[in-house]
Amino acid sequence: MPAQRADARRNRARLLAVAEAEVAAHGADASLEQIARVAGVGSATVRRHFPSRHALLEAVFHERVEILSRHARELVDAADARAALLEWLRAVTAYAATIRGLALALCRDQATGPDEPHEHCATAQLTEAGDPLVRRAAQQGAVASGVTITDLLTLITGIALATELHPDPAAEANRLLDLAIAGVSPRQG
């Protein structure tokens, strides 16, 4: 693929920044025309960079999913595997709760069979990134046996969907994640 001209790279970067803000505000159905207007480009420029809505959404989610995946890799050797896992789960939860289209994309990814085309690869990437954290936490006895990264991502997805319309979705999602982590019954002791 030939290198993009400087103006094309700037347009793409501006489109991605605007698209992330619009998706955060309006969900995965954010208007492509509005994205073009706010970015100061024509709709043809949007289509040149992102031939479909799915391509645009994948690009919007890709950068953050990469950051979350890198963060998981940085945490994998932490001395306290439970703290590392919880730190990463909180980061994923905060992002899924504030970017309205991501939770729905995660649902679609989870519902799609392995041989079917995926709209986004967020779930596969997050699963691959988070699995070593869950395994280390399990080895240290910090996670109940049988708990998988898929279980935890499903929990996060549900929390993100449930809090999507809350006035402060990230704070409410974090509160619900803490509740799920602590459990609903006080410890007997």
N, C-alpha and C. Protein backbone atom coordinates (compact mmCIF):
# COMPACT_ATOMS: atom_id res chain seq x y z
N MET A 1 0.85 -1.18 0.00
CA MET A 1 0.00 0.00 0.00
C MET A 1 0.89 1.24 0.00
N PRO A 2 0.68 2.17 -0.94
CA PRO A 2 1.53 3.35 -1.01
C PRO A 2 1.32 4.25 0.21
N ALA A 3 2.38 4.97 0.57
CA ALA A 3 2.30 5.88 1.72
C ALA A 3 1.31 7.00 1.42
N GLN A 4 0.57 7.41 2.45
CA GLN A 4 -0.41 8.49 2.30
C GLN A 4 0.31 9.83 2.31
N ARG A 5 -0.27 10.76 1.58
CA ARG A 5 0.24 12.13 1.62
C ARG A 5 0.00 12.70 3.02
N ALA A 6 0.74 13.73 3.36
CA ALA A 6 0.62 14.35 4.69
C ALA A 6 -0.80 14.83 4.95
N ASP A 7 -1.45 15.44 3.95
CA ASP A 7 -2.82 15.94 4.17
C ASP A 7 -3.80 14.79 4.36
N ALA A 8 -3.56 13.68 3.68
CA ALA A 8 -4.43 12.51 3.83
C ALA A 8 -4.26 11.92 5.23
N ARG A 9 -3.02 11.89 5.73
CA ARG A 9 -2.79 11.38 7.09
C ARG A 9 -3.46 12.29 8.12
N ARG A 10 -3.36 13.61 7.92
CA ARG A 10 -4.02 14.55 8.84
C ARG A 10 -5.53 14.37 8.79
N ASN A 11 -6.09 14.22 7.58
CA ASN A 11 -7.54 14.01 7.45
C ASN A 11 -7.97 12.75 8.18
N ARG A 12 -7.22 11.68 8.01
CA ARG A 12 -7.57 10.42 8.67
C ARG A 12 -7.52 10.58 10.19
N ALA A 13 -6.46 11.20 10.69
CA ALA A 13 -6.33 11.39 12.13
C ALA A 13 -7.46 12.27 12.66
N ARG A 14 -7.80 13.33 11.94
CA ARG A 14 -8.90 14.21 12.36
C ARG A 14 -10.22 13.46 12.32
N LEU A 15 -10.45 12.67 11.27
CA LEU A 15 -11.67 11.88 11.17
C LEU A 15 -11.79 10.89 12.32
N LEU A 16 -10.70 10.23 12.68
CA LEU A 16 -10.74 9.27 13.79
C LEU A 16 -11.04 9.96 15.11
N ALA A 17 -10.44 11.12 15.34
CA ALA A 17 -10.69 11.85 16.59
C ALA A 17 -12.15 12.28 16.67
N VAL A 18 -12.68 12.81 15.58
CA VAL A 18 -14.08 13.24 15.55
C VAL A 18 -15.00 12.03 15.67
N ALA A 19 -14.66 10.96 14.95
CA ALA A 19 -15.50 9.75 14.99
C ALA A 19 -15.55 9.17 16.40
N GLU A 20 -14.42 9.16 17.11
CA GLU A 20 -14.44 8.62 18.48
C GLU A 20 -15.37 9.46 19.36
N ALA A 21 -15.30 10.79 19.22
CA ALA A 21 -16.18 11.66 20.02
C ALA A 21 -17.64 11.46 19.65
N GLU A 22 -17.93 11.34 18.37
CA GLU A 22 -19.32 11.16 17.91
C GLU A 22 -19.86 9.79 18.33
N VAL A 23 -19.03 8.75 18.24
CA VAL A 23 -19.47 7.42 18.66
C VAL A 23 -19.70 7.41 20.17
N ALA A 24 -18.82 8.09 20.91
CA ALA A 24 -19.00 8.17 22.36
C ALA A 24 -20.32 8.86 22.69
N ALA A 25 -20.67 9.87 21.93
CA ALA A 25 -21.89 10.64 22.21
C ALA A 25 -23.15 9.99 21.66
N HIS A 26 -23.04 9.34 20.49
CA HIS A 26 -24.25 8.88 19.80
C HIS A 26 -24.28 7.38 19.52
N GLY A 27 -23.25 6.67 19.92
CA GLY A 27 -23.23 5.23 19.69
C GLY A 27 -22.75 4.88 18.30
N ALA A 28 -22.83 3.58 18.00
CA ALA A 28 -22.31 3.06 16.73
C ALA A 28 -23.07 3.57 15.52
N ASP A 29 -24.24 4.14 15.74
CA ASP A 29 -25.02 4.67 14.62
C ASP A 29 -24.77 6.16 14.39
N ALA A 30 -23.67 6.68 14.93
CA ALA A 30 -23.33 8.10 14.73
C ALA A 30 -23.35 8.42 13.24
N SER A 31 -23.81 9.61 12.92
CA SER A 31 -23.94 10.03 11.53
C SER A 31 -22.59 10.24 10.87
N LEU A 32 -22.37 9.54 9.76
CA LEU A 32 -21.13 9.73 9.00
C LEU A 32 -21.05 11.14 8.43
N GLU A 33 -22.19 11.68 8.04
CA GLU A 33 -22.23 13.05 7.51
C GLU A 33 -21.84 14.06 8.58
N GLN A 34 -22.32 13.84 9.81
CA GLN A 34 -21.96 14.72 10.92
C GLN A 34 -20.47 14.61 11.22
N ILE A 35 -19.94 13.42 11.17
CA ILE A 35 -18.51 13.23 11.40
C ILE A 35 -17.72 14.01 10.36
N ALA A 36 -18.13 13.92 9.10
CA ALA A 36 -17.45 14.66 8.02
C ALA A 36 -17.53 16.16 8.27
N ARG A 37 -18.73 16.66 8.63
CA ARG A 37 -18.91 18.11 8.88
C ARG A 37 -18.01 18.60 10.00
N VAL A 38 -18.05 17.89 11.13
CA VAL A 38 -17.25 18.31 12.29
C VAL A 38 -15.76 18.25 11.96
N ALA A 39 -15.34 17.26 11.19
CA ALA A 39 -13.93 17.11 10.82
C ALA A 39 -13.52 18.12 9.74
N GLY A 40 -14.50 18.76 9.11
CA GLY A 40 -14.20 19.75 8.08
C GLY A 40 -13.79 19.14 6.75
N VAL A 41 -14.34 17.96 6.47
CA VAL A 41 -14.06 17.29 5.19
C VAL A 41 -15.38 16.88 4.55
N GLY A 42 -15.33 16.51 3.30
CA GLY A 42 -16.52 16.03 2.61
C GLY A 42 -16.79 14.58 2.92
N SER A 43 -18.02 14.16 2.66
CA SER A 43 -18.38 12.76 2.94
C SER A 43 -17.57 11.80 2.06
N ALA A 44 -17.16 12.26 0.87
CA ALA A 44 -16.34 11.41 0.01
C ALA A 44 -14.99 11.12 0.67
N THR A 45 -14.46 12.08 1.41
CA THR A 45 -13.20 11.87 2.12
C THR A 45 -13.37 10.81 3.20
N VAL A 46 -14.51 10.85 3.89
CA VAL A 46 -14.78 9.83 4.90
C VAL A 46 -14.80 8.46 4.23
N ARG A 47 -15.51 8.34 3.12
CA ARG A 47 -15.64 7.05 2.43
C ARG A 47 -14.31 6.58 1.84
N ARG A 48 -13.46 7.53 1.43
CA ARG A 48 -12.16 7.16 0.89
C ARG A 48 -11.31 6.50 1.99
N HIS A 49 -11.36 7.05 3.18
CA HIS A 49 -10.58 6.49 4.28
C HIS A 49 -11.25 5.28 4.92
N PHE A 50 -12.57 5.30 4.96
CA PHE A 50 -13.35 4.25 5.63
C PHE A 50 -14.51 3.87 4.71
N PRO A 51 -14.34 2.83 3.90
CA PRO A 51 -15.35 2.49 2.90
C PRO A 51 -16.70 2.06 3.46
N SER A 52 -16.76 1.74 4.75
CA SER A 52 -18.03 1.34 5.35
C SER A 52 -18.07 1.83 6.80
N ARG A 53 -19.26 1.87 7.35
CA ARG A 53 -19.42 2.23 8.76
C ARG A 53 -18.61 1.27 9.63
N HIS A 54 -18.63 -0.01 9.27
CA HIS A 54 -17.89 -1.01 10.05
C HIS A 54 -16.39 -0.71 10.04
N ALA A 55 -15.88 -0.31 8.90
CA ALA A 55 -14.45 0.03 8.81
C ALA A 55 -14.12 1.21 9.71
N LEU A 56 -15.00 2.20 9.75
CA LEU A 56 -14.78 3.35 10.62
C LEU A 56 -14.84 2.94 12.09
N LEU A 57 -15.84 2.16 12.46
CA LEU A 57 -15.96 1.72 13.85
C LEU A 57 -14.76 0.87 14.27
N GLU A 58 -14.33 0.00 13.39
CA GLU A 58 -13.17 -0.83 13.71
C GLU A 58 -11.94 0.04 13.96
N ALA A 59 -11.76 1.07 13.13
CA ALA A 59 -10.63 1.98 13.32
C ALA A 59 -10.76 2.76 14.63
N VAL A 60 -11.97 3.20 14.96
CA VAL A 60 -12.20 3.93 16.21
C VAL A 60 -11.85 3.04 17.41
N PHE A 61 -12.32 1.81 17.40
CA PHE A 61 -12.09 0.91 18.51
C PHE A 61 -10.66 0.37 18.55
N HIS A 62 -10.05 0.25 17.38
CA HIS A 62 -8.74 -0.39 17.26
C HIS A 62 -7.69 0.26 18.16
N GLU A 63 -7.59 1.57 18.11
CA GLU A 63 -6.55 2.25 18.88
C GLU A 63 -6.72 1.99 20.38
N ARG A 64 -7.95 2.13 20.88
CA ARG A 64 -8.18 1.93 22.32
C ARG A 64 -7.98 0.48 22.70
N VAL A 65 -8.42 -0.44 21.86
CA VAL A 65 -8.24 -1.87 22.15
C VAL A 65 -6.74 -2.19 22.17
N GLU A 66 -5.98 -1.57 21.29
CA GLU A 66 -4.53 -1.75 21.29
C GLU A 66 -3.92 -1.25 22.60
N ILE A 67 -4.39 -0.08 23.06
CA ILE A 67 -3.89 0.47 24.32
C ILE A 67 -4.23 -0.46 25.48
N LEU A 68 -5.47 -0.95 25.51
CA LEU A 68 -5.87 -1.88 26.57
C LEU A 68 -5.07 -3.18 26.51
N SER A 69 -4.80 -3.66 25.31
CA SER A 69 -4.02 -4.89 25.15
C SER A 69 -2.58 -4.68 25.62
N ARG A 70 -2.01 -3.55 25.26
CA ARG A 70 -0.65 -3.23 25.70
C ARG A 70 -0.60 -3.12 27.24
N HIS A 71 -1.62 -2.50 27.81
CA HIS A 71 -1.69 -2.36 29.27
C HIS A 71 -1.73 -3.74 29.94
N ALA A 72 -2.49 -4.66 29.37
CA ALA A 72 -2.54 -6.03 29.92
C ALA A 72 -1.16 -6.67 29.88
N ARG A 73 -0.46 -6.49 28.77
CA ARG A 73 0.89 -7.08 28.66
C ARG A 73 1.84 -6.47 29.69
N GLU A 74 1.68 -5.18 29.98
CA GLU A 74 2.53 -4.52 30.98
C GLU A 74 2.24 -5.05 32.39
N LEU A 75 1.00 -5.45 32.63
CA LEU A 75 0.60 -5.90 33.97
C LEU A 75 0.84 -7.38 34.23
N VAL A 76 1.10 -8.15 33.20
CA VAL A 76 1.10 -9.61 33.34
C VAL A 76 2.14 -10.12 34.33
N ASP A 77 3.22 -9.42 34.53
CA ASP A 77 4.25 -9.89 35.46
C ASP A 77 4.20 -9.19 36.82
N ALA A 78 3.13 -8.47 37.09
CA ALA A 78 3.00 -7.77 38.37
C ALA A 78 3.00 -8.79 39.51
N ALA A 79 3.58 -8.40 40.63
CA ALA A 79 3.66 -9.30 41.78
C ALA A 79 2.27 -9.70 42.28
N ASP A 80 1.35 -8.75 42.31
CA ASP A 80 -0.01 -9.01 42.79
C ASP A 80 -0.91 -9.21 41.57
N ALA A 81 -1.12 -10.46 41.20
CA ALA A 81 -1.89 -10.78 39.99
C ALA A 81 -3.34 -10.32 40.11
N ARG A 82 -3.92 -10.38 41.31
CA ARG A 82 -5.30 -9.92 41.51
C ARG A 82 -5.40 -8.42 41.24
N ALA A 83 -4.50 -7.65 41.82
CA ALA A 83 -4.51 -6.20 41.61
C ALA A 83 -4.31 -5.86 40.14
N ALA A 84 -3.42 -6.58 39.48
CA ALA A 84 -3.17 -6.34 38.06
C ALA A 84 -4.43 -6.63 37.23
N LEU A 85 -5.06 -7.76 37.50
CA LEU A 85 -6.28 -8.11 36.77
C LEU A 85 -7.37 -7.07 37.01
N LEU A 86 -7.56 -6.66 38.26
CA LEU A 86 -8.60 -5.68 38.57
C LEU A 86 -8.31 -4.33 37.94
N GLU A 87 -7.06 -3.93 37.92
CA GLU A 87 -6.69 -2.66 37.27
C GLU A 87 -7.08 -2.71 35.79
N TRP A 88 -6.76 -3.83 35.14
CA TRP A 88 -7.06 -3.96 33.72
C TRP A 88 -8.57 -4.03 33.48
N LEU A 89 -9.27 -4.80 34.30
CA LEU A 89 -10.72 -4.91 34.14
C LEU A 89 -11.39 -3.54 34.32
N ARG A 90 -10.91 -2.74 35.25
CA ARG A 90 -11.47 -1.40 35.44
C ARG A 90 -11.22 -0.52 34.22
N ALA A 91 -10.04 -0.65 33.62
CA ALA A 91 -9.74 0.13 32.41
C ALA A 91 -10.65 -0.29 31.26
N VAL A 92 -10.84 -1.58 31.07
CA VAL A 92 -11.73 -2.07 30.01
C VAL A 92 -13.16 -1.61 30.28
N THR A 93 -13.59 -1.71 31.53
CA THR A 93 -14.95 -1.31 31.90
C THR A 93 -15.17 0.17 31.64
N ALA A 94 -14.23 0.99 32.04
CA ALA A 94 -14.36 2.44 31.84
C ALA A 94 -14.47 2.77 30.36
N TYR A 95 -13.66 2.13 29.55
CA TYR A 95 -13.72 2.41 28.12
C TYR A 95 -15.03 1.88 27.51
N ALA A 96 -15.39 0.66 27.83
CA ALA A 96 -16.62 0.08 27.27
C ALA A 96 -17.85 0.89 27.68
N ALA A 97 -17.82 1.47 28.87
CA ALA A 97 -18.97 2.23 29.35
C ALA A 97 -19.05 3.62 28.73
N THR A 98 -17.93 4.17 28.29
CA THR A 98 -17.96 5.54 27.77
C THR A 98 -17.99 5.61 26.25
N ILE A 99 -17.61 4.56 25.58
CA ILE A 99 -17.70 4.54 24.11
C ILE A 99 -18.89 3.66 23.76
N ARG A 100 -20.01 4.32 23.47
CA ARG A 100 -21.30 3.63 23.40
C ARG A 100 -21.34 2.49 22.41
N GLY A 101 -20.64 2.53 21.34
CA GLY A 101 -20.71 1.45 20.37
C GLY A 101 -19.89 0.22 20.72
N LEU A 102 -18.94 0.38 21.62
CA LEU A 102 -18.03 -0.73 21.91
C LEU A 102 -18.73 -1.90 22.58
N ALA A 103 -19.56 -1.65 23.56
CA ALA A 103 -20.24 -2.76 24.25
C ALA A 103 -21.10 -3.56 23.28
N LEU A 104 -21.79 -2.86 22.39
CA LEU A 104 -22.60 -3.56 21.39
C LEU A 104 -21.71 -4.36 20.44
N ALA A 105 -20.56 -3.79 20.07
CA ALA A 105 -19.63 -4.52 19.21
C ALA A 105 -19.13 -5.77 19.91
N LEU A 106 -18.85 -5.67 21.21
CA LEU A 106 -18.41 -6.84 21.96
C LEU A 106 -19.50 -7.91 21.98
N CYS A 107 -20.76 -7.49 22.13
CA CYS A 107 -21.87 -8.44 22.09
C CYS A 107 -21.94 -9.15 20.75
N ARG A 108 -21.82 -8.37 19.69
CA ARG A 108 -21.89 -8.96 18.35
C ARG A 108 -20.74 -9.92 18.13
N ASP A 109 -19.52 -9.54 18.60
CA ASP A 109 -18.38 -10.42 18.48
C ASP A 109 -18.63 -11.73 19.21
N GLN A 110 -19.19 -11.66 20.42
CA GLN A 110 -19.41 -12.86 21.21
C GLN A 110 -20.48 -13.75 20.59
N ALA A 111 -21.44 -13.15 19.87
CA ALA A 111 -22.52 -13.92 19.28
C ALA A 111 -22.13 -14.51 17.92
N THR A 112 -21.03 -14.05 17.37
CA THR A 112 -20.60 -14.50 16.05
C THR A 112 -19.75 -15.75 16.20
N GLY A 113 -20.07 -16.75 15.42
CA GLY A 113 -19.30 -17.99 15.46
C GLY A 113 -17.90 -17.78 14.91
N PRO A 114 -16.99 -18.70 15.20
CA PRO A 114 -15.60 -18.54 14.79
C PRO A 114 -15.39 -18.51 13.28
N ASP A 115 -16.30 -19.10 12.52
CA ASP A 115 -16.15 -19.11 11.07
C ASP A 115 -16.93 -18.00 10.38
N GLU A 116 -17.65 -17.19 11.16
CA GLU A 116 -18.43 -16.10 10.59
C GLU A 116 -17.61 -14.82 10.59
N PRO A 117 -17.89 -13.93 9.59
CA PRO A 117 -17.15 -12.67 9.57
C PRO A 117 -17.51 -11.81 10.78
N HIS A 118 -16.52 -11.14 11.34
CA HIS A 118 -16.72 -10.26 12.50
C HIS A 118 -16.74 -8.82 12.04
N GLU A 119 -17.60 -8.02 12.65
CA GLU A 119 -17.59 -6.59 12.39
C GLU A 119 -16.36 -5.97 13.03
N HIS A 120 -16.00 -6.44 14.20
CA HIS A 120 -14.88 -5.91 14.96
C HIS A 120 -14.13 -7.08 15.56
N CYS A 121 -12.87 -6.88 15.82
CA CYS A 121 -12.11 -7.97 16.44
C CYS A 121 -11.78 -7.63 17.88
N ALA A 122 -12.52 -6.71 18.47
CA ALA A 122 -12.24 -6.25 19.84
C ALA A 122 -12.26 -7.39 20.83
N THR A 123 -13.26 -8.26 20.77
CA THR A 123 -13.36 -9.34 21.74
C THR A 123 -12.18 -10.28 21.65
N ALA A 124 -11.80 -10.66 20.45
CA ALA A 124 -10.66 -11.57 20.29
C ALA A 124 -9.39 -10.95 20.84
N GLN A 125 -9.15 -9.69 20.55
CA GLN A 125 -7.96 -9.02 21.05
C GLN A 125 -7.97 -8.89 22.56
N LEU A 126 -9.10 -8.49 23.12
CA LEU A 126 -9.19 -8.33 24.56
C LEU A 126 -9.10 -9.69 25.26
N THR A 127 -9.65 -10.72 24.67
CA THR A 127 -9.55 -12.06 25.24
C THR A 127 -8.10 -12.51 25.27
N GLU A 128 -7.42 -12.33 24.17
CA GLU A 128 -6.00 -12.72 24.10
C GLU A 128 -5.16 -11.93 25.10
N ALA A 129 -5.46 -10.65 25.23
CA ALA A 129 -4.68 -9.80 26.14
C ALA A 129 -4.97 -10.12 27.60
N GLY A 130 -6.23 -10.35 27.93
CA GLY A 130 -6.62 -10.54 29.33
C GLY A 130 -6.43 -11.95 29.85
N ASP A 131 -6.38 -12.93 28.97
CA ASP A 131 -6.28 -14.32 29.41
C ASP A 131 -5.07 -14.58 30.31
N PRO A 132 -3.89 -14.09 29.98
CA PRO A 132 -2.75 -14.34 30.88
C PRO A 132 -2.95 -13.72 32.28
N LEU A 133 -3.64 -12.59 32.34
CA LEU A 133 -3.92 -11.97 33.64
C LEU A 133 -4.84 -12.86 34.47
N VAL A 134 -5.86 -13.42 33.85
CA VAL A 134 -6.79 -14.30 34.56
C VAL A 134 -6.07 -15.58 35.00
N ARG A 135 -5.26 -16.14 34.11
CA ARG A 135 -4.53 -17.37 34.47
C ARG A 135 -3.58 -17.14 35.65
N ARG A 136 -2.86 -16.02 35.64
CA ARG A 136 -1.94 -15.71 36.76
C ARG A 136 -2.72 -15.50 38.04
N ALA A 137 -3.85 -14.78 37.96
CA ALA A 137 -4.67 -14.56 39.16
C ALA A 137 -5.20 -15.89 39.69
N ALA A 138 -5.58 -16.78 38.81
CA ALA A 138 -6.06 -18.10 39.24
C ALA A 138 -4.93 -18.89 39.90
N GLN A 139 -3.73 -18.82 39.35
CA GLN A 139 -2.58 -19.53 39.93
C GLN A 139 -2.28 -19.02 41.34
N GLN A 140 -2.54 -17.73 41.58
CA GLN A 140 -2.29 -17.16 42.90
C GLN A 140 -3.51 -17.29 43.82
N GLY A 141 -4.56 -17.97 43.35
CA GLY A 141 -5.75 -18.18 44.16
C GLY A 141 -6.62 -16.94 44.30
N ALA A 142 -6.45 -15.97 43.41
CA ALA A 142 -7.19 -14.71 43.49
C ALA A 142 -8.46 -14.71 42.66
N VAL A 143 -8.66 -15.76 41.88
CA VAL A 143 -9.86 -15.90 41.04
C VAL A 143 -10.39 -17.31 41.27
N ALA A 144 -11.70 -17.41 41.41
CA ALA A 144 -12.31 -18.73 41.59
C ALA A 144 -11.99 -19.63 40.40
N SER A 145 -11.79 -20.90 40.67
CA SER A 145 -11.49 -21.83 39.58
C SER A 145 -12.67 -21.85 38.61
N GLY A 146 -12.35 -21.95 37.38
CA GLY A 146 -13.38 -22.00 36.35
C GLY A 146 -13.72 -20.64 35.75
N VAL A 147 -13.32 -19.55 36.39
CA VAL A 147 -13.58 -18.21 35.84
C VAL A 147 -12.65 -18.00 34.66
N THR A 148 -13.23 -17.56 33.55
CA THR A 148 -12.43 -17.33 32.34
C THR A 148 -12.47 -15.85 31.96
N ILE A 149 -11.56 -15.48 31.09
CA ILE A 149 -11.57 -14.11 30.57
C ILE A 149 -12.86 -13.86 29.81
N THR A 150 -13.40 -14.86 29.16
CA THR A 150 -14.68 -14.69 28.45
C THR A 150 -15.78 -14.35 29.44
N ASP A 151 -15.80 -15.01 30.60
CA ASP A 151 -16.78 -14.68 31.63
C ASP A 151 -16.66 -13.22 32.04
N LEU A 152 -15.44 -12.78 32.28
CA LEU A 152 -15.22 -11.42 32.76
C LEU A 152 -15.56 -10.38 31.70
N LEU A 153 -15.22 -10.66 30.44
CA LEU A 153 -15.57 -9.72 29.37
C LEU A 153 -17.08 -9.67 29.15
N THR A 154 -17.76 -10.80 29.34
CA THR A 154 -19.22 -10.81 29.24
C THR A 154 -19.82 -9.97 30.36
N LEU A 155 -19.29 -10.09 31.56
CA LEU A 155 -19.73 -9.28 32.69
C LEU A 155 -19.53 -7.80 32.40
N ILE A 156 -18.37 -7.43 31.91
CA ILE A 156 -18.08 -6.03 31.58
C ILE A 156 -19.02 -5.52 30.50
N THR A 157 -19.26 -6.34 29.50
CA THR A 157 -20.17 -5.94 28.41
C THR A 157 -21.57 -5.67 28.96
N GLY A 158 -22.05 -6.56 29.82
CA GLY A 158 -23.37 -6.36 30.43
C GLY A 158 -23.43 -5.09 31.26
N ILE A 159 -22.38 -4.85 32.02
CA ILE A 159 -22.33 -3.63 32.83
C ILE A 159 -22.32 -2.40 31.93
N ALA A 160 -21.53 -2.44 30.88
CA ALA A 160 -21.45 -1.29 29.97
C ALA A 160 -22.79 -1.02 29.30
N LEU A 161 -23.47 -2.07 28.87
CA LEU A 161 -24.78 -1.89 28.25
C LEU A 161 -25.80 -1.35 29.25
N ALA A 162 -25.73 -1.84 30.48
CA ALA A 162 -26.69 -1.42 31.51
C ALA A 162 -26.48 0.03 31.94
N THR A 163 -25.28 0.54 31.79
CA THR A 163 -24.99 1.89 32.27
C THR A 163 -24.87 2.91 31.14
N GLU A 164 -25.09 2.48 29.92
CA GLU A 164 -24.86 3.33 28.75
C GLU A 164 -25.58 4.68 28.82
N LEU A 165 -26.79 4.70 29.34
CA LEU A 165 -27.57 5.95 29.37
C LEU A 165 -27.50 6.65 30.72
N HIS A 166 -26.70 6.15 31.64
CA HIS A 166 -26.52 6.77 32.95
C HIS A 166 -25.82 8.13 32.76
N PRO A 167 -26.11 9.11 33.61
CA PRO A 167 -25.44 10.42 33.48
C PRO A 167 -23.91 10.34 33.55
N ASP A 168 -23.38 9.40 34.33
CA ASP A 168 -21.94 9.19 34.42
C ASP A 168 -21.68 7.70 34.23
N PRO A 169 -21.70 7.24 32.97
CA PRO A 169 -21.62 5.80 32.73
C PRO A 169 -20.34 5.15 33.27
N ALA A 170 -19.21 5.82 33.18
CA ALA A 170 -17.97 5.21 33.65
C ALA A 170 -17.99 5.01 35.16
N ALA A 171 -18.46 6.01 35.90
CA ALA A 171 -18.51 5.88 37.36
C ALA A 171 -19.50 4.80 37.78
N GLU A 172 -20.66 4.77 37.14
CA GLU A 172 -21.66 3.76 37.48
C GLU A 172 -21.17 2.37 37.10
N ALA A 173 -20.52 2.25 35.96
CA ALA A 173 -19.98 0.95 35.54
C ALA A 173 -18.91 0.48 36.52
N ASN A 174 -18.06 1.39 36.96
CA ASN A 174 -17.02 1.03 37.92
C ASN A 174 -17.66 0.58 39.24
N ARG A 175 -18.70 1.28 39.69
CA ARG A 175 -19.40 0.91 40.92
C ARG A 175 -19.98 -0.50 40.79
N LEU A 176 -20.61 -0.79 39.66
CA LEU A 176 -21.20 -2.11 39.45
C LEU A 176 -20.13 -3.19 39.34
N LEU A 177 -19.01 -2.87 38.71
CA LEU A 177 -17.91 -3.84 38.65
C LEU A 177 -17.40 -4.14 40.05
N ASP A 178 -17.23 -3.10 40.86
CA ASP A 178 -16.79 -3.30 42.24
C ASP A 178 -17.79 -4.18 43.00
N LEU A 179 -19.07 -3.95 42.78
CA LEU A 179 -20.10 -4.75 43.42
C LEU A 179 -19.99 -6.21 42.99
N ALA A 180 -19.78 -6.42 41.70
CA ALA A 180 -19.65 -7.79 41.19
C ALA A 180 -18.40 -8.46 41.77
N ILE A 181 -17.31 -7.70 41.88
CA ILE A 181 -16.08 -8.26 42.42
C ILE A 181 -16.25 -8.62 43.89
N ALA A 182 -16.88 -7.73 44.65
CA ALA A 182 -17.07 -7.98 46.08
C ALA A 182 -18.14 -9.02 46.35
N GLY A 183 -19.06 -9.16 45.44
CA GLY A 183 -20.19 -10.06 45.66
C GLY A 183 -21.29 -9.31 46.38
N VAL A 184 -22.45 -9.84 46.38
CA VAL A 184 -23.59 -9.15 46.97
C VAL A 184 -23.85 -9.53 48.42
N SER A 185 -23.18 -10.55 48.91
CA SER A 185 -23.37 -10.99 50.31
C SER A 185 -22.16 -10.60 51.13
N PRO A 186 -22.38 -10.10 52.33
CA PRO A 186 -21.22 -9.80 53.19
C PRO A 186 -20.51 -11.08 53.58
N ARG A 187 -19.21 -10.98 53.78
CA ARG A 187 -18.43 -12.16 54.18
C ARG A 187 -18.80 -12.56 55.61
N GLN A 188 -18.95 -13.83 55.79
CA GLN A 188 -19.22 -14.36 57.13
C GLN A 188 -17.86 -14.69 57.76
N GLY A 189 -17.68 -14.28 58.96
CA GLY A 189 -16.39 -14.61 59.41
C GLY A 189 -16.09 -14.70 60.77
